Amino acid sequence: MDESLSQFQHQLERVGVRVVPHRNHLCVRLPLFASVRVHVEEGDLKLHLQTGPTGPGRVLAWTAIVLTVLVGVLAHVVGVGPLTLTVVFGGLALLALELGQLVLADGCATRLMLQWESRSTSHPRSRSPLVQTTSTR
């Protein structure tokens, strides 16, 4: 593992962040099955938000689309009854969970960027660090 990444891991662990080291990256674990993968490439921090099997925005969009279609079909076929209302409630709970994952992962990415910046200002380099956040697709 890269030396700067190893130092960053120890810095994060000192402030109480749950970090799992891998061969070439760190994984910061969050509640609600969310995480942030941390890479260092040429001295630059790269963050990848993990909130589900696809990218964070896609999961939220697909859940909303499927929920809308399912509720529309149920309301048309069986009317507004207990089954339709249960699907609406369950779907809204799932959307809230996915939105919570997205907010947690994005907040963690911001905190990691700030932590990286504070680390790089205490250890000056020849050029300023470029911090990029990307989501996996």
C-alpha atoms as a PDB file:
ATOM      1  CA  MET A   1       0.000   0.000   0.000  1.00  0.00           C
ATOM      2  CA  ASP A   2       1.132   3.549  -0.712  1.00  0.00           C
ATOM      3  CA  GLU A   3       2.966   5.188   2.222  1.00  0.00           C
ATOM      4  CA  SER A   4       0.785   8.316   2.153  1.00  0.00           C
ATOM      5  CA  LEU A   5      -2.323   6.113   2.191  1.00  0.00           C
ATOM      6  CA  SER A   6      -0.978   4.165   5.160  1.00  0.00           C
ATOM      7  CA  GLN A   7      -0.293   7.404   7.050  1.00  0.00           C
ATOM      8  CA  PHE A   8      -3.774   8.641   6.159  1.00  0.00           C
ATOM      9  CA  GLN A   9      -5.252   5.397   7.513  1.00  0.00           C
ATOM     10  CA  HIS A  10      -3.525   5.902  10.873  1.00  0.00           C
ATOM     11  CA  GLN A  11      -4.677   9.522  10.990  1.00  0.00           C
ATOM     12  CA  LEU A  12      -8.287   8.472  10.336  1.00  0.00           C
ATOM     13  CA  GLU A  13      -8.147   5.705  12.934  1.00  0.00           C
ATOM     14  CA  ARG A  14      -6.866   8.193  15.530  1.00  0.00           C
ATOM     15  CA  VAL A  15     -10.007  10.307  15.097  1.00  0.00           C
ATOM     16  CA  GLY A  16     -12.314   7.283  15.306  1.00  0.00           C
ATOM     17  CA  VAL A  17     -13.092   6.535  11.659  1.00  0.00           C
ATOM     18  CA  ARG A  18     -13.646   2.845  10.887  1.00  0.00           C
ATOM     19  CA  VAL A  19     -11.116   2.031   8.164  1.00  0.00           C
ATOM     20  CA  VAL A  20     -10.541  -1.312   6.432  1.00  0.00           C
ATOM     21  CA  PRO A  21      -7.260  -1.492   4.497  1.00  0.00           C
ATOM     22  CA  HIS A  22      -7.105  -3.344   1.193  1.00  0.00           C
ATOM     23  CA  ARG A  23      -4.183  -4.002  -1.132  1.00  0.00           C
ATOM     24  CA  ASN A  24      -4.302  -0.695  -3.017  1.00  0.00           C
ATOM     25  CA  HIS A  25      -7.027   1.336  -1.291  1.00  0.00           C
ATOM     26  CA  LEU A  26      -8.803   2.007   1.991  1.00  0.00           C
ATOM     27  CA  CYS A  27     -12.474   1.407   2.631  1.00  0.00           C
ATOM     28  CA  VAL A  28     -14.196   3.688   5.145  1.00  0.00           C
ATOM     29  CA  ARG A  29     -17.228   1.838   6.537  1.00  0.00           C
ATOM     30  CA  LEU A  30     -20.417   3.735   7.334  1.00  0.00           C
ATOM     31  CA  PRO A  31     -23.821   2.798   8.759  1.00  0.00           C
ATOM     32  CA  LEU A  32     -26.662   1.666   6.469  1.00  0.00           C
ATOM     33  CA  PHE A  33     -24.365  -0.456   4.266  1.00  0.00           C
ATOM     34  CA  ALA A  34     -22.616   2.577   2.791  1.00  0.00           C
ATOM     35  CA  SER A  35     -18.877   3.072   2.392  1.00  0.00           C
ATOM     36  CA  VAL A  36     -16.269   5.246   0.719  1.00  0.00           C
ATOM     37  CA  ARG A  37     -13.251   3.787  -1.094  1.00  0.00           C
ATOM     38  CA  VAL A  38     -10.128   5.914  -0.812  1.00  0.00           C
ATOM     39  CA  HIS A  39      -7.344   5.757  -3.435  1.00  0.00           C
ATOM     40  CA  VAL A  40      -4.210   7.852  -3.790  1.00  0.00           C
ATOM     41  CA  GLU A  41      -2.944   8.232  -7.352  1.00  0.00           C
ATOM     42  CA  GLU A  42       0.148  10.366  -7.955  1.00  0.00           C
ATOM     43  CA  GLY A  43      -0.415  12.090  -4.621  1.00  0.00           C
ATOM     44  CA  ASP A  44      -4.033  12.953  -5.413  1.00  0.00           C
ATOM     45  CA  LEU A  45      -6.957  11.715  -3.332  1.00  0.00           C
ATOM     46  CA  LYS A  46      -9.656   9.772  -5.212  1.00  0.00           C
ATOM     47  CA  LEU A  47     -12.927   8.927  -3.458  1.00  0.00           C
ATOM     48  CA  HIS A  48     -15.553   6.462  -4.693  1.00  0.00           C
ATOM     49  CA  LEU A  49     -18.932   6.445  -2.963  1.00  0.00           C
ATOM     50  CA  GLN A  50     -20.430   2.984  -2.437  1.00  0.00           C
ATOM     51  CA  THR A  51     -24.150   2.939  -1.625  1.00  0.00           C
ATOM     52  CA  GLY A  52     -25.440  -0.080  -3.478  1.00  0.00           C
ATOM     53  CA  PRO A  53     -24.834  -2.339  -6.449  1.00  0.00           C
ATOM     54  CA  THR A  54     -24.832   0.607  -8.870  1.00  0.00           C
ATOM     55  CA  GLY A  55     -23.881   4.256  -8.535  1.00  0.00           C
ATOM     56  CA  PRO A  56     -25.535   6.279  -5.761  1.00  0.00           C
ATOM     57  CA  GLY A  57     -27.738   8.380  -8.068  1.00  0.00           C
ATOM     58  CA  ARG A  58     -28.830   5.410 -10.142  1.00  0.00           C
ATOM     59  CA  VAL A  59     -30.096   3.385  -7.180  1.00  0.00           C
ATOM     60  CA  LEU A  60     -32.249   6.264  -6.001  1.00  0.00           C
ATOM     61  CA  ALA A  61     -33.625   6.922  -9.486  1.00  0.00           C
ATOM     62  CA  TRP A  62     -34.398   3.254 -10.206  1.00  0.00           C
ATOM     63  CA  THR A  63     -36.140   2.806  -6.862  1.00  0.00           C
ATOM     64  CA  ALA A  64     -38.317   5.862  -7.486  1.00  0.00           C
ATOM     65  CA  ILE A  65     -39.199   4.703 -11.011  1.00  0.00           C
ATOM     66  CA  VAL A  66     -40.030   1.136  -9.986  1.00  0.00           C
ATOM     67  CA  LEU A  67     -42.015   2.353  -6.974  1.00  0.00           C
ATOM     68  CA  THR A  68     -44.059   4.765  -9.110  1.00  0.00           C
ATOM     69  CA  VAL A  69     -44.874   2.100 -11.695  1.00  0.00           C
ATOM     70  CA  LEU A  70     -45.727  -0.516  -9.056  1.00  0.00           C
ATOM     71  CA  VAL A  71     -48.021   1.795  -7.097  1.00  0.00           C
ATOM     72  CA  GLY A  72     -49.715   2.960 -10.308  1.00  0.00           C
ATOM     73  CA  VAL A  73     -50.382  -0.608 -11.429  1.00  0.00           C
ATOM     74  CA  LEU A  74     -51.614  -1.664  -7.982  1.00  0.00           C
ATOM     75  CA  ALA A  75     -53.885   1.383  -7.677  1.00  0.00           C
ATOM     76  CA  HIS A  76     -55.349   0.650 -11.114  1.00  0.00           C
ATOM     77  CA  VAL A  77     -55.804  -3.111 -10.585  1.00  0.00           C
ATOM     78  CA  VAL A  78     -56.856  -3.402  -6.928  1.00  0.00           C
ATOM     79  CA  GLY A  79     -57.650   0.227  -6.058  1.00  0.00           C
ATOM     80  CA  VAL A  80     -56.409   2.190  -3.119  1.00  0.00           C
ATOM     81  CA  GLY A  81     -56.469  -0.433  -0.394  1.00  0.00           C
ATOM     82  CA  PRO A  82     -54.259  -2.012   2.219  1.00  0.00           C
ATOM     83  CA  LEU A  83     -51.935  -3.648  -0.343  1.00  0.00           C
ATOM     84  CA  THR A  84     -51.355  -0.425  -2.270  1.00  0.00           C
ATOM     85  CA  LEU A  85     -50.805   1.605   0.903  1.00  0.00           C
ATOM     86  CA  THR A  86     -48.353  -1.009   2.245  1.00  0.00           C
ATOM     87  CA  VAL A  87     -46.341  -0.861  -0.986  1.00  0.00           C
ATOM     88  CA  VAL A  88     -46.331   2.961  -0.823  1.00  0.00           C
ATOM     89  CA  PHE A  89     -45.128   2.924   2.793  1.00  0.00           C
ATOM     90  CA  GLY A  90     -42.458   0.288   2.112  1.00  0.00           C
ATOM     91  CA  GLY A  91     -41.261   2.098  -0.999  1.00  0.00           C
ATOM     92  CA  LEU A  92     -41.001   5.415   0.810  1.00  0.00           C
ATOM     93  CA  ALA A  93     -39.037   3.726   3.598  1.00  0.00           C
ATOM     94  CA  LEU A  94     -36.656   2.250   0.999  1.00  0.00           C
ATOM     95  CA  LEU A  95     -36.240   5.643  -0.677  1.00  0.00           C
ATOM     96  CA  ALA A  96     -35.478   7.204   2.719  1.00  0.00           C
ATOM     97  CA  LEU A  97     -32.859   4.511   3.389  1.00  0.00           C
ATOM     98  CA  GLU A  98     -31.167   5.098   0.033  1.00  0.00           C
ATOM     99  CA  LEU A  99     -31.228   8.860   0.505  1.00  0.00           C
ATOM    100  CA  GLY A 100     -29.709   8.389   3.962  1.00  0.00           C
ATOM    101  CA  GLN A 101     -26.932   6.258   2.464  1.00  0.00           C
ATOM    102  CA  LEU A 102     -26.206   8.950  -0.091  1.00  0.00           C
ATOM    103  CA  VAL A 103     -26.103  11.721   2.525  1.00  0.00           C
ATOM    104  CA  LEU A 104     -23.846   9.647   4.813  1.00  0.00           C
ATOM    105  CA  ALA A 105     -21.416   8.754   2.031  1.00  0.00           C
ATOM    106  CA  ASP A 106     -21.278  12.317   0.709  1.00  0.00           C
ATOM    107  CA  GLY A 107     -20.762  13.726   4.192  1.00  0.00           C
ATOM    108  CA  CYS A 108     -17.997  11.205   4.814  1.00  0.00           C
ATOM    109  CA  ALA A 109     -16.343  12.127   1.509  1.00  0.00           C
ATOM    110  CA  THR A 110     -16.354  15.790   2.555  1.00  0.00           C
ATOM    111  CA  ARG A 111     -14.829  14.919   5.919  1.00  0.00           C
ATOM    112  CA  LEU A 112     -12.165  12.767   4.241  1.00  0.00           C
ATOM    113  CA  MET A 113     -11.265  15.585   1.839  1.00  0.00           C
ATOM    114  CA  LEU A 114     -10.896  18.014   4.745  1.00  0.00           C
ATOM    115  CA  GLN A 115      -8.811  15.482   6.668  1.00  0.00           C
ATOM    116  CA  TRP A 116      -6.587  14.964   3.602  1.00  0.00           C
ATOM    117  CA  GLU A 117      -6.196  18.712   3.169  1.00  0.00           C
ATOM    118  CA  SER A 118      -5.215  19.176   6.815  1.00  0.00           C
ATOM    119  CA  ARG A 119      -2.688  16.347   6.439  1.00  0.00           C
ATOM    120  CA  SER A 120      -1.196  17.860   3.292  1.00  0.00           C
ATOM    121  CA  THR A 121      -0.901  21.338   4.807  1.00  0.00           C
ATOM    122  CA  SER A 122       1.012  19.935   7.775  1.00  0.00           C
ATOM    123  CA  HIS A 123       3.258  18.035   5.309  1.00  0.00           C
ATOM    124  CA  PRO A 124       3.872  20.533   2.460  1.00  0.00           C
ATOM    125  CA  ARG A 125       4.402  19.184  -1.034  1.00  0.00           C
ATOM    126  CA  SER A 126       5.741  20.755  -4.182  1.00  0.00           C
ATOM    127  CA  ARG A 127       2.225  21.091  -5.623  1.00  0.00           C
ATOM    128  CA  SER A 128      -1.218  21.452  -4.110  1.00  0.00           C
ATOM    129  CA  PRO A 129      -3.262  18.237  -3.867  1.00  0.00           C
ATOM    130  CA  LEU A 130      -6.103  17.636  -6.270  1.00  0.00           C
ATOM    131  CA  VAL A 131      -9.051  16.049  -4.510  1.00  0.00           C
ATOM    132  CA  GLN A 132     -11.645  14.356  -6.701  1.00  0.00           C
ATOM    133  CA  THR A 133     -14.826  12.554  -5.724  1.00  0.00           C
ATOM    134  CA  THR A 134     -16.346  10.083  -8.146  1.00  0.00           C
ATOM    135  CA  SER A 135     -19.107   7.542  -7.848  1.00  0.00           C
ATOM    136  CA  THR A 136     -18.795   4.022  -9.155  1.00  0.00           C
ATOM    137  CA  ARG A 137     -21.005   2.972 -12.002  1.00  0.00           C
END
